[in-house]
Protein backbone atom coordinates (compact mmCIF):
# COMPACT_ATOMS: atom_id res chain seq x y z
CA MET A 1 -52.15 -53.27 -84.69
CA LYS A 2 -50.02 -50.59 -85.40
CA ASN A 3 -53.17 -48.66 -87.15
CA LYS A 4 -54.80 -49.31 -83.61
CA LEU A 5 -51.93 -47.36 -81.95
CA ILE A 6 -51.42 -44.66 -84.21
CA ILE A 7 -55.58 -43.97 -83.58
CA ALA A 8 -55.16 -44.07 -80.12
CA GLY A 9 -52.26 -41.75 -80.08
CA LEU A 10 -54.07 -39.43 -81.73
CA LEU A 11 -57.02 -39.75 -79.66
CA ALA A 12 -55.06 -39.20 -76.72
CA ALA A 13 -53.40 -36.08 -78.02
CA ILE A 14 -57.00 -34.58 -79.02
CA VAL A 15 -57.99 -34.83 -75.58
CA ALA A 16 -54.93 -33.82 -73.76
CA ALA A 17 -54.90 -30.45 -76.05
CA GLY A 18 -58.78 -29.97 -74.67
CA ALA A 19 -57.49 -30.13 -71.45
CA ALA A 20 -55.20 -28.02 -72.13
CA GLY A 21 -57.26 -25.18 -74.04
CA CYS A 22 -59.58 -25.60 -70.61
CA ALA A 23 -56.80 -24.75 -68.36
CA SER A 24 -55.45 -22.12 -70.33
CA GLU A 25 -59.21 -20.53 -70.16
CA LYS A 26 -59.26 -20.83 -67.04
CA SER A 27 -56.55 -18.75 -66.33
CA GLU A 28 -57.78 -16.12 -68.83
CA GLN A 29 -60.22 -16.09 -66.25
CA ALA A 30 -58.62 -15.67 -63.96
CA GLU A 31 -56.62 -13.17 -64.67
CA LEU A 32 -59.55 -10.76 -66.29
CA GLN A 33 -61.54 -11.03 -62.26
CA ALA A 34 -57.98 -10.09 -61.26
CA GLN A 35 -58.37 -6.74 -63.33
CA ALA A 36 -62.14 -6.21 -62.76
CA ARG A 37 -63.33 -3.35 -59.94
CA ILE A 38 -67.00 -3.94 -60.30
CA GLY A 39 -67.80 -7.75 -59.43
CA ARG A 40 -70.24 -10.02 -61.22
CA GLU A 41 -73.64 -9.47 -59.62
CA GLN A 42 -72.83 -5.98 -59.01
CA ALA A 43 -72.69 -4.95 -62.94
CA GLN A 44 -75.77 -7.79 -63.61
CA GLN A 45 -77.60 -5.72 -60.94
CA THR A 46 -76.68 -2.60 -63.72
CA ALA A 47 -77.44 -4.86 -66.25
CA LEU A 48 -80.79 -5.38 -65.26
CA ALA A 49 -82.13 -2.18 -65.14
CA LYS A 50 -81.63 -1.71 -68.74
CA VAL A 51 -83.73 -5.24 -69.30
CA PRO A 52 -86.53 -4.68 -66.30
CA ASN A 53 -87.85 -8.16 -67.42
CA GLY A 54 -84.99 -9.96 -68.42
CA THR A 55 -83.67 -13.11 -67.40
CA VAL A 56 -80.15 -14.54 -67.45
CA LYS A 57 -79.21 -16.78 -70.28
CA GLU A 58 -75.67 -16.50 -70.48
CA ALA A 59 -72.89 -13.45 -68.86
CA GLU A 60 -68.80 -13.25 -69.59
CA LEU A 61 -65.92 -11.18 -68.35
CA GLU A 62 -64.15 -10.41 -71.58
CA LYS A 63 -62.09 -8.04 -73.09
CA GLU A 64 -63.51 -5.87 -76.23
CA ASN A 65 -62.20 -3.68 -78.25
CA GLY A 66 -59.51 -3.38 -75.85
CA LYS A 67 -61.86 -2.47 -72.84
CA LEU A 68 -62.83 -5.45 -69.73
CA ILE A 69 -66.61 -5.70 -70.05
CA TRP A 70 -68.67 -7.92 -68.61
CA SER A 71 -71.24 -9.14 -70.82
CA PHE A 72 -74.46 -10.75 -70.06
CA GLY A 73 -77.60 -11.97 -72.74
CA PHE A 74 -80.84 -11.30 -71.69
CA ALA A 75 -84.04 -13.29 -72.66
CA THR A 76 -87.74 -11.42 -72.15
CA PRO A 77 -90.87 -13.01 -72.04
CA ASP A 78 -92.54 -10.83 -75.06
CA SER A 79 -88.96 -11.90 -77.52
CA LYS A 80 -87.25 -13.83 -79.20
CA ASP A 81 -84.21 -11.76 -79.50
CA ILE A 82 -81.38 -11.18 -76.46
CA THR A 83 -80.69 -8.36 -75.79
CA GLU A 84 -77.03 -7.68 -74.44
CA VAL A 85 -75.93 -5.49 -71.80
CA ASN A 86 -72.13 -4.62 -71.68
CA VAL A 87 -70.83 -3.37 -68.34
CA ASP A 88 -67.47 -2.12 -67.86
CA ALA A 89 -66.01 -4.06 -65.40
CA ILE A 90 -63.81 -1.18 -64.24
CA THR A 91 -66.11 2.12 -64.02
CA GLY A 92 -69.36 0.16 -63.23
CA GLY A 93 -71.15 2.00 -66.55
CA ILE A 94 -73.18 0.85 -69.35
CA VAL A 95 -70.89 0.23 -72.37
CA ASN A 96 -73.96 -0.67 -74.86
CA VAL A 97 -77.19 -2.22 -75.28
CA GLU A 98 -77.70 -4.25 -78.12
CA GLN A 99 -80.50 -6.70 -79.54
CA GLU A 100 -79.32 -10.13 -81.26
CA THR A 101 -81.94 -12.10 -82.85
CA PRO A 102 -81.08 -16.03 -82.54
CA GLN A 103 -79.37 -16.35 -86.10
CA ALA A 104 -77.17 -13.81 -84.63
CA GLU A 105 -76.56 -14.84 -81.81
CA ALA A 106 -75.68 -18.58 -83.43
CA LYS A 107 -73.32 -16.63 -86.00
CA GLU A 108 -71.65 -15.12 -83.15
CA LYS A 109 -70.76 -18.15 -81.00
CA ASP A 110 -69.04 -20.01 -83.93
């Protein structure tokens, strides 16, 4: 019985930690949104100009190397690679464009 209580307590702690992580992630995103001068739609249109046949697979507002950027991952019909386009969330300019293989993208997510 004591072991069941310990296990139940551990499970409750794990669930609570996960919920707290989610809340802090939302708070961080809200803070980044408040700093951005360029909205997602405008940044996405800028990025799409670099990948005309692309379909957005993921989009994220993040700080990278001290710069606030919109990062878009595009799939294209003629390639298995993902084209990542980063747009400055303050100026709206293109920061960089990179090709990522599916393996490199999976490694980046880990």
